[in-house]
Full PDB file with SEQRES, HELIX, SHEET, SSBOND, CRYST1, ORIGX, SCALE, CONECT and MASTER records, all heavy atoms in Angstrom:
SEQRES   1 A   42  ASP VAL ILE LYS ASN PHE VAL SER GLY VAL PHE ILE PHE          
SEQRES   2 A   42  THR ASP ARG PRO PHE LYS ILE GLY ASP TRP ILE GLU TRP          
SEQRES   3 A   42  ASP GLY GLU SER GLY ILE VAL GLU ASP ILE SER PHE ARG          
SEQRES   4 A   42  VAL SER ARG                                                  
HELIX    1 AA1 VAL A    2  ASP A   15  1                                  14    
SHEET    1 AA1 2 TRP A  23  TRP A  26  0                                        
SHEET    2 AA1 2 GLU A  29  ILE A  32 -1                                        
CRYST1    1.000    1.000    1.000  90.00  90.00  90.00 P 1           1          
ORIGX1      1.000000  0.000000  0.000000        0.00000                         
ORIGX2      0.000000  1.000000  0.000000        0.00000                         
ORIGX3      0.000000  0.000000  1.000000        0.00000                         
SCALE1      1.000000  0.000000  0.000000        0.00000                         
SCALE2      0.000000  1.000000  0.000000        0.00000                         
SCALE3      0.000000  0.000000  1.000000        0.00000                         
ATOM      1  N   ASP A   1      68.013-190.401 142.365  1.00  0.00           N  
ATOM      2  CA  ASP A   1      67.847-189.126 141.679  1.00  0.00           C  
ATOM      3  C   ASP A   1      66.378-188.788 141.475  1.00  0.00           C  
ATOM      4  O   ASP A   1      65.977-187.622 141.585  1.00  0.00           O  
ATOM      5  CB  ASP A   1      68.566-189.147 140.329  1.00  0.00           C  
ATOM      6  CG  ASP A   1      70.080-189.158 140.491  1.00  0.00           C  
ATOM      7  OD1 ASP A   1      70.552-188.760 141.571  1.00  0.00           O  
ATOM      8  OD2 ASP A   1      70.774-189.576 139.539  1.00  0.00           O  
ATOM      9  N   VAL A   2      65.571-189.807 141.158  1.00  0.00           N  
ATOM     10  CA  VAL A   2      64.147-189.568 140.943  1.00  0.00           C  
ATOM     11  C   VAL A   2      63.499-189.050 142.223  1.00  0.00           C  
ATOM     12  O   VAL A   2      62.722-188.088 142.212  1.00  0.00           O  
ATOM     13  CB  VAL A   2      63.449-190.857 140.459  1.00  0.00           C  
ATOM     14  CG1 VAL A   2      61.942-190.653 140.377  1.00  0.00           C  
ATOM     15  CG2 VAL A   2      64.000-191.279 139.109  1.00  0.00           C  
ATOM     16  N   ILE A   3      63.823-189.699 143.346  1.00  0.00           N  
ATOM     17  CA  ILE A   3      63.251-189.284 144.628  1.00  0.00           C  
ATOM     18  C   ILE A   3      63.730-187.879 144.988  1.00  0.00           C  
ATOM     19  O   ILE A   3      62.948-187.052 145.475  1.00  0.00           O  
ATOM     20  CB  ILE A   3      63.623-190.294 145.728  1.00  0.00           C  
ATOM     21  CG1 ILE A   3      62.967-191.656 145.435  1.00  0.00           C  
ATOM     22  CG2 ILE A   3      63.202-189.792 147.096  1.00  0.00           C  
ATOM     23  CD1 ILE A   3      63.411-192.766 146.360  1.00  0.00           C  
ATOM     24  N   LYS A   4      65.007-187.612 144.726  1.00  0.00           N  
ATOM     25  CA  LYS A   4      65.546-186.284 145.019  1.00  0.00           C  
ATOM     26  C   LYS A   4      64.814-185.213 144.227  1.00  0.00           C  
ATOM     27  O   LYS A   4      64.433-184.167 144.763  1.00  0.00           O  
ATOM     28  CB  LYS A   4      67.039-186.255 144.682  1.00  0.00           C  
ATOM     29  CG  LYS A   4      67.707-184.918 144.920  1.00  0.00           C  
ATOM     30  CD  LYS A   4      69.185-184.984 144.555  1.00  0.00           C  
ATOM     31  CE  LYS A   4      69.857-183.629 144.777  1.00  0.00           C  
ATOM     32  NZ  LYS A   4      71.302-183.674 144.393  1.00  0.00           N  
ATOM     33  N   ASN A   5      64.589-185.490 142.943  1.00  0.00           N  
ATOM     34  CA  ASN A   5      63.882-184.516 142.107  1.00  0.00           C  
ATOM     35  C   ASN A   5      62.412-184.403 142.502  1.00  0.00           C  
ATOM     36  O   ASN A   5      61.823-183.319 142.407  1.00  0.00           O  
ATOM     37  CB  ASN A   5      64.005-184.906 140.635  1.00  0.00           C  
ATOM     38  CG  ASN A   5      65.406-184.695 140.098  1.00  0.00           C  
ATOM     39  OD1 ASN A   5      66.052-183.703 140.405  1.00  0.00           O  
ATOM     40  ND2 ASN A   5      65.891-185.639 139.316  1.00  0.00           N  
ATOM     41  N   PHE A   6      61.826-185.509 142.950  1.00  0.00           N  
ATOM     42  CA  PHE A   6      60.434-185.475 143.389  1.00  0.00           C  
ATOM     43  C   PHE A   6      60.285-184.588 144.628  1.00  0.00           C  
ATOM     44  O   PHE A   6      59.392-183.745 144.706  1.00  0.00           O  
ATOM     45  CB  PHE A   6      59.941-186.894 143.688  1.00  0.00           C  
ATOM     46  CG  PHE A   6      58.548-186.941 144.254  1.00  0.00           C  
ATOM     47  CD1 PHE A   6      57.449-186.895 143.435  1.00  0.00           C  
ATOM     48  CD2 PHE A   6      58.337-187.026 145.627  1.00  0.00           C  
ATOM     49  CE1 PHE A   6      56.162-186.931 143.941  1.00  0.00           C  
ATOM     50  CE2 PHE A   6      57.061-187.064 146.156  1.00  0.00           C  
ATOM     51  CZ  PHE A   6      55.974-187.020 145.305  1.00  0.00           C  
ATOM     52  N   VAL A   7      61.200-184.794 145.589  1.00  0.00           N  
ATOM     53  CA  VAL A   7      61.158-183.963 146.802  1.00  0.00           C  
ATOM     54  C   VAL A   7      61.376-182.494 146.442  1.00  0.00           C  
ATOM     55  O   VAL A   7      60.708-181.598 146.979  1.00  0.00           O  
ATOM     56  CB  VAL A   7      62.214-184.444 147.819  1.00  0.00           C  
ATOM     57  CG1 VAL A   7      62.293-183.489 148.998  1.00  0.00           C  
ATOM     58  CG2 VAL A   7      61.873-185.847 148.300  1.00  0.00           C  
ATOM     59  N   SER A   8      62.293-182.232 145.510  1.00  0.00           N  
ATOM     60  CA  SER A   8      62.524-180.855 145.071  1.00  0.00           C  
ATOM     61  C   SER A   8      61.273-180.272 144.424  1.00  0.00           C  
ATOM     62  O   SER A   8      60.953-179.089 144.607  1.00  0.00           O  
ATOM     63  CB  SER A   8      63.692-180.812 144.085  1.00  0.00           C  
ATOM     64  OG  SER A   8      64.894-181.249 144.684  1.00  0.00           O  
ATOM     65  N   GLY A   9      60.546-181.120 143.663  1.00  0.00           N  
ATOM     66  CA  GLY A   9      59.299-180.654 143.064  1.00  0.00           C  
ATOM     67  C   GLY A   9      58.269-180.281 144.110  1.00  0.00           C  
ATOM     68  O   GLY A   9      57.520-179.308 143.940  1.00  0.00           O  
ATOM     69  N   VAL A  10      58.234-181.035 145.206  1.00  0.00           N  
ATOM     70  CA  VAL A  10      57.313-180.701 146.304  1.00  0.00           C  
ATOM     71  C   VAL A  10      57.695-179.345 146.909  1.00  0.00           C  
ATOM     72  O   VAL A  10      56.832-178.514 147.206  1.00  0.00           O  
ATOM     73  CB  VAL A  10      57.337-181.805 147.377  1.00  0.00           C  
ATOM     74  CG1 VAL A  10      56.525-181.384 148.598  1.00  0.00           C  
ATOM     75  CG2 VAL A  10      56.786-183.107 146.805  1.00  0.00           C  
ATOM     76  N   PHE A  11      59.006-179.117 147.085  1.00  0.00           N  
ATOM     77  CA  PHE A  11      59.449-177.831 147.627  1.00  0.00           C  
ATOM     78  C   PHE A  11      59.085-176.684 146.689  1.00  0.00           C  
ATOM     79  O   PHE A  11      58.690-175.606 147.143  1.00  0.00           O  
ATOM     80  CB  PHE A  11      60.962-177.849 147.873  1.00  0.00           C  
ATOM     81  CG  PHE A  11      61.373-178.692 149.044  1.00  0.00           C  
ATOM     82  CD1 PHE A  11      62.614-179.316 149.072  1.00  0.00           C  
ATOM     83  CD2 PHE A  11      60.529-178.868 150.120  1.00  0.00           C  
ATOM     84  CE1 PHE A  11      62.997-180.087 150.154  1.00  0.00           C  
ATOM     85  CE2 PHE A  11      60.892-179.636 151.205  1.00  0.00           C  
ATOM     86  CZ  PHE A  11      62.132-180.257 151.226  1.00  0.00           C  
ATOM     87  N   ILE A  12      59.236-176.900 145.382  1.00  0.00           N  
ATOM     88  CA  ILE A  12      58.860-175.851 144.426  1.00  0.00           C  
ATOM     89  C   ILE A  12      57.366-175.563 144.531  1.00  0.00           C  
ATOM     90  O   ILE A  12      56.933-174.404 144.478  1.00  0.00           O  
ATOM     91  CB  ILE A  12      59.238-176.280 142.995  1.00  0.00           C  
ATOM     92  CG1 ILE A  12      60.760-176.300 142.827  1.00  0.00           C  
ATOM     93  CG2 ILE A  12      58.612-175.342 141.954  1.00  0.00           C  
ATOM     94  CD1 ILE A  12      61.227-176.843 141.499  1.00  0.00           C  
ATOM     95  N   PHE A  13      56.588-176.616 144.708  1.00  0.00           N  
ATOM     96  CA  PHE A  13      55.136-176.444 144.811  1.00  0.00           C  
ATOM     97  C   PHE A  13      54.739-175.705 146.085  1.00  0.00           C  
ATOM     98  O   PHE A  13      53.859-174.842 146.073  1.00  0.00           O  
ATOM     99  CB  PHE A  13      54.461-177.818 144.767  1.00  0.00           C  
ATOM    100  CG  PHE A  13      52.988-177.776 145.031  1.00  0.00           C  
ATOM    101  CD1 PHE A  13      52.114-177.221 144.114  1.00  0.00           C  
ATOM    102  CD2 PHE A  13      52.461-178.270 146.210  1.00  0.00           C  
ATOM    103  CE1 PHE A  13      50.748-177.172 144.364  1.00  0.00           C  
ATOM    104  CE2 PHE A  13      51.110-178.236 146.479  1.00  0.00           C  
ATOM    105  CZ  PHE A  13      50.248-177.680 145.540  1.00  0.00           C  
ATOM    106  N   THR A  14      55.422-176.014 147.203  1.00  0.00           N  
ATOM    107  CA  THR A  14      55.040-175.398 148.479  1.00  0.00           C  
ATOM    108  C   THR A  14      55.679-174.023 148.679  1.00  0.00           C  
ATOM    109  O   THR A  14      55.027-173.094 149.160  1.00  0.00           O  
ATOM    110  CB  THR A  14      55.427-176.319 149.647  1.00  0.00           C  
ATOM    111  OG1 THR A  14      56.833-176.622 149.569  1.00  0.00           O  
ATOM    112  CG2 THR A  14      54.629-177.620 149.597  1.00  0.00           C  
ATOM    113  N   ASP A  15      56.957-173.890 148.322  1.00  0.00           N  
ATOM    114  CA  ASP A  15      57.657-172.618 148.536  1.00  0.00           C  
ATOM    115  C   ASP A  15      57.338-171.583 147.460  1.00  0.00           C  
ATOM    116  O   ASP A  15      57.478-170.385 147.691  1.00  0.00           O  
ATOM    117  CB  ASP A  15      59.167-172.838 148.587  1.00  0.00           C  
ATOM    118  CG  ASP A  15      59.591-173.697 149.765  1.00  0.00           C  
ATOM    119  OD1 ASP A  15      58.778-173.838 150.699  1.00  0.00           O  
ATOM    120  OD2 ASP A  15      60.716-174.231 149.750  1.00  0.00           O  
ATOM    121  N   ARG A  16      56.987-172.038 146.295  1.00  0.00           N  
ATOM    122  CA  ARG A  16      56.604-171.182 145.172  1.00  0.00           C  
ATOM    123  C   ARG A  16      57.667-170.114 144.851  1.00  0.00           C  
ATOM    124  O   ARG A  16      57.384-168.922 144.819  1.00  0.00           O  
ATOM    125  CB  ARG A  16      55.258-170.502 145.447  1.00  0.00           C  
ATOM    126  CG  ARG A  16      54.118-171.474 145.657  1.00  0.00           C  
ATOM    127  CD  ARG A  16      52.818-170.756 145.921  1.00  0.00           C  
ATOM    128  NE  ARG A  16      52.410-169.980 144.761  1.00  0.00           N  
ATOM    129  CZ  ARG A  16      51.338-169.179 144.753  1.00  0.00           C  
ATOM    130  NH1 ARG A  16      50.606-169.049 145.842  1.00  0.00           N  
ATOM    131  NH2 ARG A  16      51.031-168.511 143.672  1.00  0.00           N  
ATOM    132  N   PRO A  17      58.917-170.551 144.600  1.00  0.00           N  
ATOM    133  CA  PRO A  17      59.917-169.564 144.177  1.00  0.00           C  
ATOM    134  C   PRO A  17      59.623-169.010 142.795  1.00  0.00           C  
ATOM    135  O   PRO A  17      60.106-167.935 142.435  1.00  0.00           O  
ATOM    136  CB  PRO A  17      61.227-170.373 144.193  1.00  0.00           C  
ATOM    137  CG  PRO A  17      60.778-171.783 143.956  1.00  0.00           C  
ATOM    138  CD  PRO A  17      59.446-171.914 144.651  1.00  0.00           C  
ATOM    139  N   PHE A  18      58.877-169.745 142.009  1.00  0.00           N  
ATOM    140  CA  PHE A  18      58.426-169.284 140.695  1.00  0.00           C  
ATOM    141  C   PHE A  18      57.189-170.081 140.319  1.00  0.00           C  
ATOM    142  O   PHE A  18      56.845-171.077 140.962  1.00  0.00           O  
ATOM    143  CB  PHE A  18      59.530-169.466 139.642  1.00  0.00           C  
ATOM    144  CG  PHE A  18      60.076-170.868 139.553  1.00  0.00           C  
ATOM    145  CD1 PHE A  18      59.435-171.843 138.818  1.00  0.00           C  
ATOM    146  CD2 PHE A  18      61.231-171.215 140.237  1.00  0.00           C  
ATOM    147  CE1 PHE A  18      59.933-173.136 138.746  1.00  0.00           C  
ATOM    148  CE2 PHE A  18      61.737-172.510 140.182  1.00  0.00           C  
ATOM    149  CZ  PHE A  18      61.090-173.461 139.432  1.00  0.00           C  
ATOM    150  N   LYS A  19      56.504-169.631 139.283  1.00  0.00           N  
ATOM    151  CA  LYS A  19      55.305-170.324 138.821  1.00  0.00           C  
ATOM    152  C   LYS A  19      55.307-170.367 137.297  1.00  0.00           C  
ATOM    153  O   LYS A  19      56.163-169.756 136.649  1.00  0.00           O  
ATOM    154  CB  LYS A  19      54.043-169.621 139.337  1.00  0.00           C  
ATOM    155  CG  LYS A  19      53.898-168.165 138.926  1.00  0.00           C  
ATOM    156  CD  LYS A  19      52.645-167.562 139.558  1.00  0.00           C  
ATOM    157  CE  LYS A  19      52.443-166.116 139.113  1.00  0.00           C  
ATOM    158  NZ  LYS A  19      53.525-165.234 139.593  1.00  0.00           N  
ATOM    159  N   ILE A  20      54.358-171.097 136.733  1.00  0.00           N  
ATOM    160  CA  ILE A  20      54.269-171.198 135.279  1.00  0.00           C  
ATOM    161  C   ILE A  20      54.045-169.808 134.683  1.00  0.00           C  
ATOM    162  O   ILE A  20      53.202-169.054 135.145  1.00  0.00           O  
ATOM    163  CB  ILE A  20      53.124-172.153 134.878  1.00  0.00           C  
ATOM    164  CG1 ILE A  20      53.468-173.590 135.283  1.00  0.00           C  
ATOM    165  CG2 ILE A  20      52.862-172.093 133.367  1.00  0.00           C  
ATOM    166  CD1 ILE A  20      52.368-174.587 135.040  1.00  0.00           C  
ATOM    167  N   GLY A  21      54.831-169.500 133.660  1.00  0.00           N  
ATOM    168  CA  GLY A  21      54.756-168.194 133.021  1.00  0.00           C  
ATOM    169  C   GLY A  21      55.809-167.217 133.500  1.00  0.00           C  
ATOM    170  O   GLY A  21      55.992-166.163 132.885  1.00  0.00           O  
ATOM    171  N   ASP A  22      56.534-167.552 134.592  1.00  0.00           N  
ATOM    172  CA  ASP A  22      57.571-166.658 135.110  1.00  0.00           C  
ATOM    173  C   ASP A  22      58.842-166.755 134.267  1.00  0.00           C  
ATOM    174  O   ASP A  22      59.169-167.809 133.711  1.00  0.00           O  
ATOM    175  CB  ASP A  22      57.908-167.004 136.560  1.00  0.00           C  
ATOM    176  CG  ASP A  22      56.941-166.369 137.545  1.00  0.00           C  
ATOM    177  OD1 ASP A  22      56.012-165.678 137.097  1.00  0.00           O  
ATOM    178  OD2 ASP A  22      57.105-166.585 138.762  1.00  0.00           O  
ATOM    179  N   TRP A  23      59.566-165.675 134.232  1.00  0.00           N  
ATOM    180  CA  TRP A  23      60.887-165.629 133.611  1.00  0.00           C  
ATOM    181  C   TRP A  23      61.897-165.847 134.726  1.00  0.00           C  
ATOM    182  O   TRP A  23      61.948-165.074 135.683  1.00  0.00           O  
ATOM    183  CB  TRP A  23      61.052-164.290 132.904  1.00  0.00           C  
ATOM    184  CG  TRP A  23      62.453-163.827 132.686  1.00  0.00           C  
ATOM    185  CD1 TRP A  23      63.593-164.574 132.619  1.00  0.00           C  
ATOM    186  CD2 TRP A  23      62.873-162.465 132.499  1.00  0.00           C  
ATOM    187  NE1 TRP A  23      64.679-163.781 132.407  1.00  0.00           N  
ATOM    188  CE2 TRP A  23      64.284-162.490 132.323  1.00  0.00           C  
ATOM    189  CE3 TRP A  23      62.206-161.252 132.446  1.00  0.00           C  
ATOM    190  CZ2 TRP A  23      65.014-161.335 132.115  1.00  0.00           C  
ATOM    191  CZ3 TRP A  23      62.948-160.108 132.235  1.00  0.00           C  
ATOM    192  CH2 TRP A  23      64.327-160.153 132.068  1.00  0.00           C  
ATOM    193  N   ILE A  24      62.696-166.928 134.626  1.00  0.00           N  
ATOM    194  CA  ILE A  24      63.672-167.242 135.664  1.00  0.00           C  
ATOM    195  C   ILE A  24      65.068-167.346 135.063  1.00  0.00           C  
ATOM    196  O   ILE A  24      65.232-167.602 133.867  1.00  0.00           O  
ATOM    197  CB  ILE A  24      63.322-168.550 136.416  1.00  0.00           C  
ATOM    198  CG1 ILE A  24      63.377-169.753 135.466  1.00  0.00           C  
ATOM    199  CG2 ILE A  24      61.966-168.439 137.093  1.00  0.00           C  
ATOM    200  CD1 ILE A  24      63.233-171.085 136.177  1.00  0.00           C  
ATOM    201  N   GLU A  25      66.078-167.166 135.933  1.00  0.00           N  
ATOM    202  CA  GLU A  25      67.472-167.303 135.547  1.00  0.00           C  
ATOM    203  C   GLU A  25      68.160-168.190 136.580  1.00  0.00           C  
ATOM    204  O   GLU A  25      67.968-168.005 137.784  1.00  0.00           O  
ATOM    205  CB  GLU A  25      68.156-165.935 135.488  1.00  0.00           C  
ATOM    206  CG  GLU A  25      67.534-164.986 134.457  1.00  0.00           C  
ATOM    207  CD  GLU A  25      68.146-163.595 134.508  1.00  0.00           C  
ATOM    208  OE1 GLU A  25      69.022-163.364 135.365  1.00  0.00           O  
ATOM    209  OE2 GLU A  25      67.729-162.735 133.705  1.00  0.00           O  
ATOM    210  N   TRP A  26      68.967-169.151 136.118  1.00  0.00           N  
ATOM    211  CA  TRP A  26      69.681-170.053 137.032  1.00  0.00           C  
ATOM    212  C   TRP A  26      70.901-170.621 136.313  1.00  0.00           C  
ATOM    213  O   TRP A  26      70.856-170.933 135.133  1.00  0.00           O  
ATOM    214  CB  TRP A  26      68.758-171.196 137.484  1.00  0.00           C  
ATOM    215  CG  TRP A  26      68.650-172.312 136.480  1.00  0.00           C  
ATOM    216  CD1 TRP A  26      69.298-173.520 136.496  1.00  0.00           C  
ATOM    217  CD2 TRP A  26      67.862-172.303 135.267  1.00  0.00           C  
ATOM    218  NE1 TRP A  26      68.966-174.260 135.385  1.00  0.00           N  
ATOM    219  CE2 TRP A  26      68.092-173.532 134.624  1.00  0.00           C  
ATOM    220  CE3 TRP A  26      67.016-171.373 134.664  1.00  0.00           C  
ATOM    221  CZ2 TRP A  26      67.476-173.863 133.411  1.00  0.00           C  
ATOM    222  CZ3 TRP A  26      66.408-171.694 133.463  1.00  0.00           C  
ATOM    223  CH2 TRP A  26      66.636-172.919 132.856  1.00  0.00           C  
ATOM    224  N   ASP A  27      71.990-170.734 137.011  1.00  0.00           N  
ATOM    225  CA  ASP A  27      73.189-171.430 136.542  1.00  0.00           C  
ATOM    226  C   ASP A  27      73.545-171.065 135.097  1.00  0.00           C  
ATOM    227  O   ASP A  27      73.874-171.936 134.286  1.00  0.00           O  
ATOM    228  CB  ASP A  27      72.979-172.950 136.673  1.00  0.00           C  
ATOM    229  CG  ASP A  27      74.305-173.713 136.569  1.00  0.00           C  
ATOM    230  OD1 ASP A  27      75.357-173.093 136.832  1.00  0.00           O  
ATOM    231  OD2 ASP A  27      74.284-174.902 136.203  1.00  0.00           O  
ATOM    232  N   GLY A  28      73.471-169.787 134.754  1.00  0.00           N  
ATOM    233  CA  GLY A  28      73.837-169.340 133.413  1.00  0.00           C  
ATOM    234  C   GLY A  28      72.757-169.515 132.369  1.00  0.00           C  
ATOM    235  O   GLY A  28      72.960-169.193 131.194  1.00  0.00           O  
ATOM    236  N   GLU A  29      71.602-170.043 132.737  1.00  0.00           N  
ATOM    237  CA  GLU A  29      70.494-170.239 131.804  1.00  0.00           C  
ATOM    238  C   GLU A  29      69.335-169.319 132.187  1.00  0.00           C  
ATOM    239  O   GLU A  29      69.245-168.847 133.328  1.00  0.00           O  
ATOM    240  CB  GLU A  29      70.000-171.700 131.832  1.00  0.00           C  
ATOM    241  CG  GLU A  29      71.061-172.730 131.480  1.00  0.00           C  
ATOM    242  CD  GLU A  29      71.337-172.787 129.997  1.00  0.00           C  
ATOM    243  OE1 GLU A  29      70.618-172.105 129.224  1.00  0.00           O  
ATOM    244  OE2 GLU A  29      72.264-173.521 129.605  1.00  0.00           O  
ATOM    245  N   SER A  30      68.440-169.082 131.235  1.00  0.00           N  
ATOM    246  CA  SER A  30      67.256-168.272 131.525  1.00  0.00           C  
ATOM    247  C   SER A  30      66.155-168.637 130.545  1.00  0.00           C  
ATOM    248  O   SER A  30      66.413-169.159 129.452  1.00  0.00           O  
ATOM    249  CB  SER A  30      67.576-166.772 131.417  1.00  0.00           C  
ATOM    250  OG  SER A  30      67.993-166.428 130.102  1.00  0.00           O  
ATOM    251  N   GLY A  31      64.914-168.379 130.941  1.00  0.00           N  
ATOM    252  CA  GLY A  31      63.783-168.679 130.074  1.00  0.00           C  
ATOM    253  C   GLY A  31      62.467-168.538 130.815  1.00  0.00           C  
ATOM    254  O   GLY A  31      62.427-168.101 131.969  1.00  0.00           O  
ATOM    255  N   ILE A  32      61.381-168.926 130.126  1.00  0.00           N  
ATOM    256  CA  ILE A  32      60.032-168.840 130.666  1.00  0.00           C  
ATOM    257  C   ILE A  32      59.573-170.240 131.088  1.00  0.00           C  
ATOM    258  O   ILE A  32      59.663-171.195 130.306  1.00  0.00           O  
ATOM    259  CB  ILE A  32      59.052-168.268 129.619  1.00  0.00           C  
ATOM    260  CG1 ILE A  32      59.541-166.906 129.110  1.00  0.00           C  
ATOM    261  CG2 ILE A  32      57.659-168.150 130.204  1.00  0.00           C  
ATOM    262  CD1 ILE A  32      59.609-165.830 130.162  1.00  0.00           C  
ATOM    263  N   VAL A  33      59.074-170.363 132.305  1.00  0.00           N  
ATOM    264  CA  VAL A  33      58.604-171.662 132.817  1.00  0.00           C  
ATOM    265  C   VAL A  33      57.300-172.038 132.115  1.00  0.00           C  
ATOM    266  O   VAL A  33      56.331-171.286 132.148  1.00  0.00           O  
ATOM    267  CB  VAL A  33      58.379-171.599 134.336  1.00  0.00           C  
ATOM    268  CG1 VAL A  33      57.902-172.957 134.861  1.00  0.00           C  
ATOM    269  CG2 VAL A  33      59.655-171.175 135.048  1.00  0.00           C  
ATOM    270  N   GLU A  34      57.288-173.210 131.474  1.00  0.00           N  
ATOM    271  CA  GLU A  34      56.090-173.678 130.779  1.00  0.00           C  
ATOM    272  C   GLU A  34      55.371-174.791 131.539  1.00  0.00           C  
ATOM    273  O   GLU A  34      54.168-174.971 131.378  1.00  0.00           O  
ATOM    274  CB  GLU A  34      56.447-174.178 129.374  1.00  0.00           C  
ATOM    275  CG  GLU A  34      56.857-173.071 128.417  1.00  0.00           C  
ATOM    276  CD  GLU A  34      56.856-173.526 126.971  1.00  0.00           C  
ATOM    277  OE1 GLU A  34      56.727-174.752 126.734  1.00  0.00           O  
ATOM    278  OE2 GLU A  34      56.974-172.669 126.083  1.00  0.00           O  
ATOM    279  N   ASP A  35      56.102-175.553 132.350  1.00  0.00           N  
ATOM    280  CA  ASP A  35      55.455-176.663 133.061  1.00  0.00           C  
ATOM    281  C   ASP A  35      56.291-177.028 134.281  1.00  0.00           C  
ATOM    282  O   ASP A  35      57.526-176.962 134.245  1.00  0.00           O  
ATOM    283  CB  ASP A  35      55.312-177.881 132.138  1.00  0.00           C  
ATOM    284  CG  ASP A  35      54.602-179.044 132.827  1.00  0.00           C  
ATOM    285  OD1 ASP A  35      53.528-178.807 133.406  1.00  0.00           O  
ATOM    286  OD2 ASP A  35      55.125-180.172 132.804  1.00  0.00           O  
ATOM    287  N   ILE A  36      55.610-177.400 135.362  1.00  0.00           N  
ATOM    288  CA  ILE A  36      56.264-177.876 136.580  1.00  0.00           C  
ATOM    289  C   ILE A  36      55.636-179.216 136.934  1.00  0.00           C  
ATOM    290  O   ILE A  36      54.443-179.283 137.241  1.00  0.00           O  
ATOM    291  CB  ILE A  36      56.090-176.887 137.753  1.00  0.00           C  
ATOM    292  CG1 ILE A  36      56.620-175.501 137.383  1.00  0.00           C  
ATOM    293  CG2 ILE A  36      56.801-177.404 138.995  1.00  0.00           C  
ATOM    294  CD1 ILE A  36      56.289-174.435 138.412  1.00  0.00           C  
ATOM    295  N   SER A  37      56.424-180.285 136.869  1.00  0.00           N  
ATOM    296  CA  SER A  37      55.916-181.610 137.207  1.00  0.00           C  
ATOM    297  C   SER A  37      56.632-182.113 138.456  1.00  0.00           C  
ATOM    298  O   SER A  37      57.425-181.404 139.067  1.00  0.00           O  
ATOM    299  CB  SER A  37      56.117-182.581 136.036  1.00  0.00           C  
ATOM    300  OG  SER A  37      57.490-182.793 135.800  1.00  0.00           O  
ATOM    301  N   PHE A  38      56.364-183.371 138.817  1.00  0.00           N  
ATOM    302  CA  PHE A  38      56.959-183.912 140.036  1.00  0.00           C  
ATOM    303  C   PHE A  38      58.473-184.041 139.926  1.00  0.00           C  
ATOM    304  O   PHE A  38      59.187-183.824 140.901  1.00  0.00           O  
ATOM    305  CB  PHE A  38      56.380-185.288 140.354  1.00  0.00           C  
ATOM    306  CG  PHE A  38      54.962-185.237 140.827  1.00  0.00           C  
ATOM    307  CD1 PHE A  38      53.975-185.983 140.206  1.00  0.00           C  
ATOM    308  CD2 PHE A  38      54.605-184.441 141.897  1.00  0.00           C  
ATOM    309  CE1 PHE A  38      52.667-185.927 140.642  1.00  0.00           C  
ATOM    310  CE2 PHE A  38      53.304-184.384 142.347  1.00  0.00           C  
ATOM    311  CZ  PHE A  38      52.330-185.138 141.713  1.00  0.00           C  
ATOM    312  N   ARG A  39      58.973-184.398 138.752  1.00  0.00           N  
ATOM    313  CA  ARG A  39      60.407-184.681 138.609  1.00  0.00           C  
ATOM    314  C   ARG A  39      61.171-183.570 137.922  1.00  0.00           C  
ATOM    315  O   ARG A  39      62.310-183.282 138.271  1.00  0.00           O  
ATOM    316  CB  ARG A  39      60.597-186.000 137.836  1.00  0.00           C  
ATOM    317  CG  ARG A  39      62.016-186.526 137.848  1.00  0.00           C  
ATOM    318  CD  ARG A  39      62.116-187.838 137.098  1.00  0.00           C  
ATOM    319  NE  ARG A  39      61.824-187.655 135.679  1.00  0.00           N  
ATOM    320  CZ  ARG A  39      62.729-187.282 134.773  1.00  0.00           C  
ATOM    321  NH1 ARG A  39      63.978-187.057 135.143  1.00  0.00           N  
ATOM    322  NH2 ARG A  39      62.400-187.134 133.509  1.00  0.00           N  
ATOM    323  N   VAL A  40      60.580-182.947 136.907  1.00  0.00           N  
ATOM    324  CA  VAL A  40      61.288-181.935 136.117  1.00  0.00           C  
ATOM    325  C   VAL A  40      60.401-180.713 135.903  1.00  0.00           C  
ATOM    326  O   VAL A  40      59.183-180.768 136.078  1.00  0.00           O  
ATOM    327  CB  VAL A  40      61.707-182.501 134.739  1.00  0.00           C  
ATOM    328  CG1 VAL A  40      62.649-183.679 134.894  1.00  0.00           C  
ATOM    329  CG2 VAL A  40      60.478-182.903 133.923  1.00  0.00           C  
ATOM    330  N   SER A  41      61.069-179.632 135.533  1.00  0.00           N  
ATOM    331  CA  SER A  41      60.369-178.429 135.083  1.00  0.00           C  
ATOM    332  C   SER A  41      60.818-178.159 133.652  1.00  0.00           C  
ATOM    333  O   SER A  41      61.969-178.430 133.292  1.00  0.00           O  
ATOM    334  CB  SER A  41      60.697-177.222 135.975  1.00  0.00           C  
ATOM    335  OG  SER A  41      60.228-177.431 137.282  1.00  0.00           O  
ATOM    336  N   ARG A  42      59.924-177.623 132.841  1.00  0.00           N  
ATOM    337  CA  ARG A  42      60.241-177.343 131.437  1.00  0.00           C  
ATOM    338  C   ARG A  42      60.268-175.837 131.232  1.00  0.00           C  
ATOM    339  O   ARG A  42      59.304-175.148 131.572  1.00  0.00           O  
ATOM    340  CB  ARG A  42      59.243-178.024 130.511  1.00  0.00           C  
ATOM    341  CG  ARG A  42      59.380-179.541 130.543  1.00  0.00           C  
ATOM    342  CD  ARG A  42      58.307-180.269 129.750  1.00  0.00           C  
ATOM    343  NE  ARG A  42      58.541-181.705 129.771  1.00  0.00           N  
ATOM    344  CZ  ARG A  42      58.159-182.518 130.747  1.00  0.00           C  
ATOM    345  NH1 ARG A  42      57.513-182.016 131.791  1.00  0.00           N  
ATOM    346  NH2 ARG A  42      58.420-183.814 130.698  1.00  0.00           N  
TER     347      ARG A  42                                                      
MASTER        0    0    0    1    2    0    0    6  346    1    0    4          
END                                                                             
């Protein structure tokens, strides 16, 4: 799971579907991105 999330973090970094400060919605949740790390986003 850690490796899977790490690879996903690399894709987020390269594809840039969103960035820090963006308002995003996913899977019934929504909010403002405060941090993007290798494993998780806050």
